[in-house]
Amino acid sequence: MEASTGSGTEALPQKQRELMRKAIRLEWITLAVKVVTIPLVGIVAGQSQAMRTAWYEDCLELLPPIAFLIAARTIRRKPGEKHPYGHHRGINVGHLVSATALLAMGVYLLVDSSLSLASGERPPIGTVVLFGRSIWLGWLMIAVMVISAAGPVILGRLKLKLVEDLHDKVLYADADMNKADWMTAVATVIGILGVGYGWWWMDAATAIAVSASVIHDGWSNLRTSVRDLTDARPTDMEGNVHPLMAKAVNAANHEPWVAEAEGRFRDLGHVLHAEIFVVPRAGHQVDTAELSQLRERLEDIDYQLHDVVVIPVSEIPTSLTTAPR
């Protein structure tokens, strides 16, 4: 049997290390932007349910970048006695924490907004004096929402450009939330204008729409993170079967001395752990050199095939799930 191990840093080639550094910078910028915009939204929120919900959502958006930064630091540790597989799954744990918090807060906001709508709560949006002039507070709310959404939308698009090459689901979840900020901003603006027009129920209805979006993000990310942590079949960013599974098994099947090959894979975050079971051709005595060469060929397919184990067997275990190919 031939195997390979390594730390999270060693697992990433130079290109991905550069992308990680860019992602870390973007997450720090995200936190800096949120530190500025969250107080602004809180100051002008008043009694508006939609604005309060938008403020809660902005606070929640601190979780994914914090989880990413912690995970990025965690995966640098080398494998040891307590963690023989390394710390790659720090990414999966960060994904789970962020998703759970999102879902829990989304449910809370939905219940709170629904109760406000059911009770007929009418949010007062008064006026403020600014530069010696009386201004409807709703205009300030709208201006702050536009300003608060602009940064995350831009940052979200920049992060999405890094996601595919890094195979980082925490970064993907964060980028997806950032990019969707404009939807929250538009919904909140509509709710504020509705209240100004006299449709008091628009405020709570908008808050319900925003909370439903938070629940959707939380549930989809929670489902993916639990799948990865429970060793389900690895998937790509879109939830499709990971293409490297078929590539690895096909490469093993093309070895001259291999009669049949199958694989078992686990998502470890940025990389995959692969166990490739191979049945040698009749009469062939496989040696360690051949196993080592096959392992190296498999790892050369893609950097994500990092922790590869090649296991010679007399027959493929029946418990294995055939990789689509």
Protein backbone atom coordinates (compact mmCIF):
# COMPACT_ATOMS: atom_id res chain seq x y z
CA MET A 1 0.00 0.00 0.00
CA GLU A 2 1.32 3.46 -0.95
CA ALA A 3 0.12 6.67 0.70
CA SER A 4 0.93 10.36 0.80
CA THR A 5 0.32 13.02 3.44
CA GLY A 6 1.21 16.63 4.05
CA SER A 7 0.13 19.88 5.62
CA GLY A 8 -2.45 22.24 4.21
CA THR A 9 0.24 24.63 3.03
CA GLU A 10 2.21 21.90 1.30
CA ALA A 11 -0.96 20.64 -0.37
CA LEU A 12 -1.42 23.86 -2.33
CA PRO A 13 0.75 24.60 -5.37
CA GLN A 14 2.19 28.07 -5.88
CA LYS A 15 -0.81 29.37 -7.87
CA GLN A 16 -3.27 28.34 -5.15
CA ARG A 17 -1.06 29.81 -2.43
CA GLU A 18 -1.20 33.14 -4.24
CA LEU A 19 -4.97 32.84 -4.55
CA MET A 20 -5.21 32.06 -0.84
CA ARG A 21 -3.27 35.22 -0.03
CA LYS A 22 -5.65 37.21 -2.25
CA ALA A 23 -8.67 35.59 -0.59
CA ILE A 24 -7.32 36.41 2.86
CA ARG A 25 -6.82 40.05 1.83
CA LEU A 26 -10.36 40.21 0.47
CA GLU A 27 -11.76 38.80 3.71
CA TRP A 28 -9.90 41.38 5.78
CA ILE A 29 -11.25 44.11 3.48
CA THR A 30 -14.74 42.62 3.91
CA LEU A 31 -14.44 42.85 7.69
CA ALA A 32 -13.18 46.44 7.44
CA VAL A 33 -16.13 47.41 5.21
CA LYS A 34 -18.60 45.77 7.59
CA VAL A 35 -17.10 47.51 10.60
CA VAL A 36 -17.94 50.81 8.88
CA THR A 37 -21.36 49.98 7.38
CA ILE A 38 -22.93 48.03 10.27
CA PRO A 39 -22.98 51.05 12.63
CA LEU A 40 -24.39 53.24 9.82
CA VAL A 41 -27.28 50.85 9.23
CA GLY A 42 -27.88 50.61 13.00
CA ILE A 43 -27.93 54.39 13.43
CA VAL A 44 -30.63 54.99 10.78
CA ALA A 45 -32.63 51.77 11.36
CA GLY A 46 -35.11 53.37 13.74
CA GLN A 47 -38.24 51.26 14.23
CA SER A 48 -38.20 49.81 10.71
CA GLN A 49 -38.45 46.01 10.77
CA ALA A 50 -36.85 45.78 7.33
CA MET A 51 -33.89 47.91 8.40
CA ARG A 52 -33.43 45.94 11.61
CA THR A 53 -33.48 42.69 9.61
CA ALA A 54 -30.94 44.11 7.17
CA TRP A 55 -28.77 45.10 10.14
CA TYR A 56 -28.94 41.58 11.57
CA GLU A 57 -28.02 40.16 8.17
CA ASP A 58 -25.03 42.52 7.95
CA CYS A 59 -23.87 41.32 11.37
CA LEU A 60 -24.26 37.70 10.25
CA GLU A 61 -22.08 38.38 7.24
CA LEU A 62 -19.15 38.79 9.62
CA LEU A 63 -19.23 35.05 10.33
CA PRO A 64 -18.08 33.58 6.97
CA PRO A 65 -14.97 35.81 6.64
CA ILE A 66 -14.04 35.18 10.28
CA ALA A 67 -14.54 31.42 9.78
CA PHE A 68 -12.44 31.55 6.61
CA LEU A 69 -9.57 33.42 8.26
CA ILE A 70 -9.52 30.99 11.20
CA ALA A 71 -9.63 27.99 8.85
CA ALA A 72 -6.88 29.44 6.64
CA ARG A 73 -4.65 29.63 9.70
CA THR A 74 -5.66 26.18 10.98
CA ILE A 75 -4.79 24.27 7.79
CA ARG A 76 -1.18 25.44 8.02
CA ARG A 77 -0.56 23.00 10.86
CA LYS A 78 1.22 19.80 9.96
CA PRO A 79 -0.30 16.33 10.53
CA GLY A 80 0.47 14.86 13.93
CA GLU A 81 -0.41 12.02 16.25
CA LYS A 82 -3.82 13.50 17.09
CA HIS A 83 -4.57 14.62 13.53
CA PRO A 84 -2.91 12.15 11.14
CA TYR A 85 -4.93 13.48 8.19
CA GLY A 86 -3.78 17.03 8.85
CA HIS A 87 -6.08 19.99 9.46
CA HIS A 88 -7.60 20.44 6.02
CA ARG A 89 -11.08 19.97 7.43
CA GLY A 90 -10.82 23.25 9.27
CA ILE A 91 -12.47 24.58 6.08
CA ASN A 92 -15.41 22.18 6.51
CA VAL A 93 -15.80 23.06 10.19
CA GLY A 94 -15.81 26.78 9.37
CA HIS A 95 -18.44 26.12 6.72
CA LEU A 96 -20.63 24.26 9.24
CA VAL A 97 -20.37 27.00 11.90
CA SER A 98 -21.27 29.75 9.43
CA ALA A 99 -24.16 27.80 7.94
CA THR A 100 -25.65 26.91 11.35
CA ALA A 101 -25.53 30.52 12.53
CA LEU A 102 -27.11 31.73 9.28
CA LEU A 103 -29.96 29.25 9.47
CA ALA A 104 -30.67 29.91 13.16
CA MET A 105 -30.72 33.68 12.72
CA GLY A 106 -32.80 33.42 9.54
CA VAL A 107 -35.48 31.42 11.39
CA TYR A 108 -35.46 33.95 14.25
CA LEU A 109 -35.83 36.89 11.86
CA LEU A 110 -38.64 35.15 9.97
CA VAL A 111 -40.60 34.50 13.18
CA ASP A 112 -40.00 38.02 14.48
CA SER A 113 -41.03 39.65 11.19
CA SER A 114 -44.11 37.44 10.85
CA LEU A 115 -45.25 38.33 14.36
CA SER A 116 -44.80 42.03 13.58
CA LEU A 117 -46.91 41.67 10.43
CA ALA A 118 -49.58 39.66 12.22
CA SER A 119 -49.83 42.19 15.06
CA GLY A 120 -50.25 45.07 12.63
CA GLU A 121 -47.21 46.91 13.96
CA ARG A 122 -46.87 50.23 12.13
CA PRO A 123 -43.26 51.42 12.05
CA PRO A 124 -42.88 55.18 12.44
CA ILE A 125 -40.36 56.72 10.04
CA GLY A 126 -40.04 60.34 11.09
CA THR A 127 -37.80 63.20 10.09
CA VAL A 128 -34.35 64.35 11.16
CA VAL A 129 -32.63 67.70 10.97
CA LEU A 130 -29.51 67.56 8.81
CA PHE A 131 -27.45 70.63 7.94
CA GLY A 132 -30.27 72.81 9.20
CA ARG A 133 -32.92 71.12 7.04
CA SER A 134 -35.66 68.67 7.96
CA ILE A 135 -35.24 65.41 6.00
CA TRP A 136 -37.43 62.31 5.94
CA LEU A 137 -35.46 59.55 7.67
CA GLY A 138 -36.45 57.13 4.93
CA TRP A 139 -34.15 58.89 2.45
CA LEU A 140 -31.21 58.40 4.79
CA MET A 141 -32.15 54.74 5.19
CA ILE A 142 -32.19 54.28 1.42
CA ALA A 143 -28.84 56.05 1.00
CA VAL A 144 -27.20 53.92 3.70
CA MET A 145 -28.58 50.69 2.19
CA VAL A 146 -27.15 51.56 -1.23
CA ILE A 147 -23.77 52.41 0.30
CA SER A 148 -23.70 49.29 2.49
CA ALA A 149 -24.51 46.97 -0.44
CA ALA A 150 -21.99 48.40 -2.93
CA GLY A 151 -18.84 47.09 -1.21
CA PRO A 152 -19.98 43.50 -0.59
CA VAL A 153 -21.34 43.16 -4.14
CA ILE A 154 -17.94 44.09 -5.59
CA LEU A 155 -16.04 41.96 -3.08
CA GLY A 156 -18.37 39.02 -3.72
CA ARG A 157 -17.60 39.05 -7.43
CA LEU A 158 -13.87 39.19 -6.74
CA LYS A 159 -14.11 36.23 -4.34
CA LEU A 160 -16.11 34.14 -6.81
CA LYS A 161 -13.21 34.40 -9.26
CA LEU A 162 -11.01 32.58 -6.72
CA VAL A 163 -13.49 29.94 -5.55
CA GLU A 164 -13.20 27.38 -8.35
CA ASP A 165 -9.40 27.15 -8.29
CA LEU A 166 -9.30 26.99 -4.49
CA HIS A 167 -12.24 24.60 -4.01
CA ASP A 168 -13.11 26.54 -0.85
CA LYS A 169 -16.76 26.26 0.17
CA VAL A 170 -16.49 28.78 3.02
CA LEU A 171 -15.23 31.37 0.54
CA TYR A 172 -17.99 30.35 -1.87
CA ALA A 173 -20.70 30.78 0.78
CA ASP A 174 -19.27 34.16 1.74
CA ALA A 175 -19.02 35.32 -1.88
CA ASP A 176 -22.56 34.15 -2.58
CA MET A 177 -23.88 36.14 0.40
CA ASN A 178 -21.90 39.22 -0.61
CA LYS A 179 -23.15 39.08 -4.18
CA ALA A 180 -26.74 38.74 -2.99
CA ASP A 181 -26.49 41.90 -0.87
CA TRP A 182 -28.05 43.98 -3.60
CA MET A 183 -31.22 41.88 -3.29
CA THR A 184 -31.42 42.71 0.40
CA ALA A 185 -30.78 46.38 -0.33
CA VAL A 186 -33.45 46.53 -3.06
CA ALA A 187 -36.00 44.70 -0.88
CA THR A 188 -35.31 47.01 2.05
CA VAL A 189 -35.58 50.13 -0.12
CA ILE A 190 -38.93 48.90 -1.48
CA GLY A 191 -40.15 48.32 2.08
CA ILE A 192 -39.12 51.81 3.18
CA LEU A 193 -40.75 53.45 0.16
CA GLY A 194 -43.89 51.40 0.82
CA VAL A 195 -44.09 52.70 4.38
CA GLY A 196 -43.55 56.23 3.12
CA TYR A 197 -46.43 55.75 0.68
CA GLY A 198 -48.67 54.58 3.50
CA TRP A 199 -48.44 50.82 3.05
CA TRP A 200 -47.33 50.01 6.60
CA TRP A 201 -47.33 46.24 5.96
CA MET A 202 -44.56 46.58 3.33
CA ASP A 203 -41.95 46.98 6.08
CA ALA A 204 -42.65 43.62 7.73
CA ALA A 205 -43.25 41.91 4.38
CA THR A 206 -39.85 43.04 3.18
CA ALA A 207 -38.24 41.79 6.39
CA ILE A 208 -39.88 38.39 5.81
CA ALA A 209 -38.47 38.27 2.27
CA VAL A 210 -34.96 39.10 3.52
CA SER A 211 -35.15 36.52 6.33
CA ALA A 212 -36.31 33.89 3.81
CA SER A 213 -33.19 34.63 1.77
CA VAL A 214 -31.03 34.17 4.88
CA ILE A 215 -32.74 30.83 5.62
CA HIS A 216 -32.16 29.66 2.05
CA ASP A 217 -28.44 30.50 2.27
CA GLY A 218 -28.13 28.89 5.69
CA TRP A 219 -29.94 25.68 4.77
CA SER A 220 -28.11 25.09 1.47
CA ASN A 221 -24.73 25.69 3.11
CA LEU A 222 -25.60 23.59 6.17
CA ARG A 223 -26.65 20.67 3.98
CA THR A 224 -23.40 20.84 1.99
CA SER A 225 -21.17 21.16 5.07
CA VAL A 226 -22.84 18.21 6.82
CA ARG A 227 -22.46 16.08 3.69
CA ASP A 228 -18.74 16.84 3.52
CA LEU A 229 -18.15 16.19 7.22
CA THR A 230 -20.01 12.87 7.10
CA ASP A 231 -17.83 11.64 4.22
CA ALA A 232 -20.48 11.81 1.54
CA ARG A 233 -19.38 11.65 -2.08
CA PRO A 234 -17.38 14.82 -2.84
CA THR A 235 -19.06 17.51 -4.90
CA ASP A 236 -17.91 20.64 -6.68
CA MET A 237 -19.05 24.18 -5.84
CA GLU A 238 -22.36 23.69 -7.63
CA GLY A 239 -23.20 20.43 -5.85
CA ASN A 240 -22.36 18.17 -8.81
CA VAL A 241 -20.31 14.98 -8.47
CA HIS A 242 -16.65 15.96 -8.23
CA PRO A 243 -15.06 15.30 -11.66
CA LEU A 244 -11.71 14.24 -10.17
CA MET A 245 -13.25 11.02 -8.90
CA ALA A 246 -13.79 9.67 -12.41
CA LYS A 247 -10.42 10.98 -13.62
CA ALA A 248 -8.54 9.23 -10.83
CA VAL A 249 -10.30 5.88 -11.29
CA ASN A 250 -9.93 6.04 -15.08
CA ALA A 251 -6.21 6.76 -14.74
CA ALA A 252 -5.78 3.74 -12.47
CA ASN A 253 -7.72 1.53 -14.89
CA HIS A 254 -5.37 2.52 -17.71
CA GLU A 255 -2.32 1.13 -15.92
CA PRO A 256 -1.05 -1.91 -17.90
CA TRP A 257 -0.85 -4.15 -14.81
CA VAL A 258 -4.29 -3.16 -13.43
CA ALA A 259 -7.25 -5.42 -14.28
CA GLU A 260 -9.84 -3.35 -12.39
CA ALA A 261 -9.81 -0.26 -10.21
CA GLU A 262 -12.29 1.62 -8.06
CA GLY A 263 -12.03 4.51 -5.64
CA ARG A 264 -13.35 5.90 -2.38
CA PHE A 265 -13.06 9.64 -1.82
CA ARG A 266 -13.55 12.15 1.00
CA ASP A 267 -13.68 15.93 0.90
CA LEU A 268 -11.05 17.36 3.27
CA GLY A 269 -11.58 21.00 2.40
CA HIS A 270 -9.19 22.24 -0.27
CA VAL A 271 -8.10 18.71 -1.13
CA LEU A 272 -9.50 15.19 -1.46
CA HIS A 273 -8.48 12.02 0.32
CA ALA A 274 -8.56 9.17 -2.20
CA GLU A 275 -8.35 5.44 -1.60
CA ILE A 276 -7.80 3.67 -4.92
CA PHE A 277 -8.39 -0.09 -4.84
CA VAL A 278 -6.66 -1.95 -7.68
CA VAL A 279 -6.93 -5.61 -8.76
CA PRO A 280 -3.67 -6.72 -10.48
CA ARG A 281 -3.91 -8.72 -13.70
CA ALA A 282 -3.81 -12.49 -13.33
CA GLY A 283 -0.31 -13.76 -12.65
CA HIS A 284 1.15 -10.28 -12.03
CA GLN A 285 2.98 -9.76 -8.75
CA VAL A 286 2.64 -6.07 -7.97
CA ASP A 287 5.56 -4.44 -6.16
CA THR A 288 5.94 -1.26 -4.15
CA ALA A 289 7.62 0.57 -7.04
CA GLU A 290 4.54 0.14 -9.23
CA LEU A 291 2.26 1.25 -6.41
CA SER A 292 4.42 4.31 -5.80
CA GLN A 293 4.47 5.21 -9.50
CA LEU A 294 0.68 4.90 -9.74
CA ARG A 295 0.20 7.10 -6.66
CA GLU A 296 2.47 9.77 -8.14
CA ARG A 297 0.59 9.67 -11.46
CA LEU A 298 -2.70 10.11 -9.66
CA GLU A 299 -1.41 13.06 -7.64
CA ASP A 300 -0.10 14.65 -10.84
CA ILE A 301 -3.65 14.80 -12.24
CA ASP A 302 -4.59 17.67 -9.94
CA TYR A 303 -3.35 19.20 -6.70
CA GLN A 304 -6.67 18.34 -5.02
CA LEU A 305 -5.76 14.65 -5.24
CA HIS A 306 -3.34 15.20 -2.41
CA ASP A 307 -3.79 12.43 0.14
CA VAL A 308 -3.83 9.35 -2.10
CA VAL A 309 -3.69 5.74 -0.96
CA VAL A 310 -3.26 2.91 -3.50
CA ILE A 311 -4.40 -0.49 -2.18
CA PRO A 312 -3.88 -3.78 -4.09
CA VAL A 313 -6.78 -6.20 -3.53
CA SER A 314 -7.92 -9.53 -4.93
CA GLU A 315 -11.36 -8.09 -5.69
CA ILE A 316 -13.06 -4.70 -5.44
CA PRO A 317 -14.98 -4.31 -2.14
CA THR A 318 -18.72 -4.52 -2.78
CA SER A 319 -19.36 -1.57 -0.44
CA LEU A 320 -17.69 0.90 -2.79
CA THR A 321 -19.85 3.32 -4.70
CA THR A 322 -18.87 3.32 -8.33
CA ALA A 323 -17.51 6.70 -9.37
CA PRO A 324 -19.47 8.08 -12.37
CA ARG A 325 -17.33 8.05 -15.51
